[in-house]
C-alpha atoms as a PDB file:
ATOM      1  CA  MET A   1      -1.868 -19.185 -25.275  1.00  0.00           C
ATOM      2  CA  GLU A   2       1.673 -17.898 -24.956  1.00  0.00           C
ATOM      3  CA  ALA A   3       0.514 -14.225 -25.477  1.00  0.00           C
ATOM      4  CA  LYS A   4      -2.076 -14.509 -22.632  1.00  0.00           C
ATOM      5  CA  LYS A   5       0.662 -16.042 -20.301  1.00  0.00           C
ATOM      6  CA  SER A   6       3.110 -13.162 -21.031  1.00  0.00           C
ATOM      7  CA  ASN A   7       0.162 -10.727 -20.469  1.00  0.00           C
ATOM      8  CA  LEU A   8      -0.387 -12.333 -17.159  1.00  0.00           C
ATOM      9  CA  SER A   9       3.197 -12.417 -16.138  1.00  0.00           C
ATOM     10  CA  LYS A  10       3.324  -8.594 -16.660  1.00  0.00           C
ATOM     11  CA  LEU A  11      -0.129  -7.891 -14.912  1.00  0.00           C
ATOM     12  CA  VAL A  12       0.430  -9.779 -11.746  1.00  0.00           C
ATOM     13  CA  PRO A  13       3.597  -7.519 -10.504  1.00  0.00           C
ATOM     14  CA  MET A  14       1.861  -4.416 -11.578  1.00  0.00           C
ATOM     15  CA  MET A  15      -1.182  -5.173  -9.419  1.00  0.00           C
ATOM     16  CA  PHE A  16       0.953  -6.161  -6.514  1.00  0.00           C
ATOM     17  CA  ALA A  17       2.703  -2.945  -6.757  1.00  0.00           C
ATOM     18  CA  PHE A  18      -0.707  -1.082  -6.660  1.00  0.00           C
ATOM     19  CA  PHE A  19      -1.765  -3.290  -3.805  1.00  0.00           C
ATOM     20  CA  ALA A  20       1.434  -2.496  -1.784  1.00  0.00           C
ATOM     21  CA  MET A  21       1.136   1.298  -2.385  1.00  0.00           C
ATOM     22  CA  GLY A  22      -2.663   1.289  -1.185  1.00  0.00           C
ATOM     23  CA  PHE A  23      -1.576  -0.673   1.797  1.00  0.00           C
ATOM     24  CA  VAL A  24       1.066   2.184   2.762  1.00  0.00           C
ATOM     25  CA  ASP A  25      -1.213   4.806   2.005  1.00  0.00           C
ATOM     26  CA  MET A  26      -3.744   3.107   4.417  1.00  0.00           C
ATOM     27  CA  VAL A  27      -1.092   2.741   7.043  1.00  0.00           C
ATOM     28  CA  GLY A  28      -0.254   6.380   6.919  1.00  0.00           C
ATOM     29  CA  THR A  29      -3.626   7.619   7.121  1.00  0.00           C
ATOM     30  CA  ALA A  30      -4.291   5.417  10.125  1.00  0.00           C
ATOM     31  CA  THR A  31      -1.191   6.561  11.960  1.00  0.00           C
ATOM     32  CA  ASN A  32      -2.337  10.167  11.684  1.00  0.00           C
ATOM     33  CA  TYR A  33      -5.674   9.364  13.149  1.00  0.00           C
ATOM     34  CA  VAL A  34      -3.884   7.266  15.993  1.00  0.00           C
ATOM     35  CA  LYS A  35      -1.221  10.269  16.535  1.00  0.00           C
ATOM     36  CA  ALA A  36      -4.081  12.604  16.958  1.00  0.00           C
ATOM     37  CA  ASP A  37      -6.274  10.358  19.362  1.00  0.00           C
ATOM     38  CA  PHE A  38      -3.494   9.604  21.621  1.00  0.00           C
ATOM     39  CA  GLU A  39      -1.807  13.007  21.179  1.00  0.00           C
ATOM     40  CA  LEU A  40       1.450  11.644  20.432  1.00  0.00           C
ATOM     41  CA  SER A  41       4.377  13.705  18.992  1.00  0.00           C
ATOM     42  CA  ASP A  42       5.812  13.066  15.483  1.00  0.00           C
ATOM     43  CA  THR A  43       8.635  11.130  16.963  1.00  0.00           C
ATOM     44  CA  MET A  44       6.367   8.860  18.911  1.00  0.00           C
ATOM     45  CA  ALA A  45       4.074   8.069  15.937  1.00  0.00           C
END
């Protein structure tokens, strides 16, 4: 039982990190599309 809890306590932060990286990648891609659609400069985007 203790080994299972230890594995879970290591897995949750790692999964959260992957979720955060995926979200940042998605926002970066969306920003590029918005920049192109609204003809924004790099500073404005």
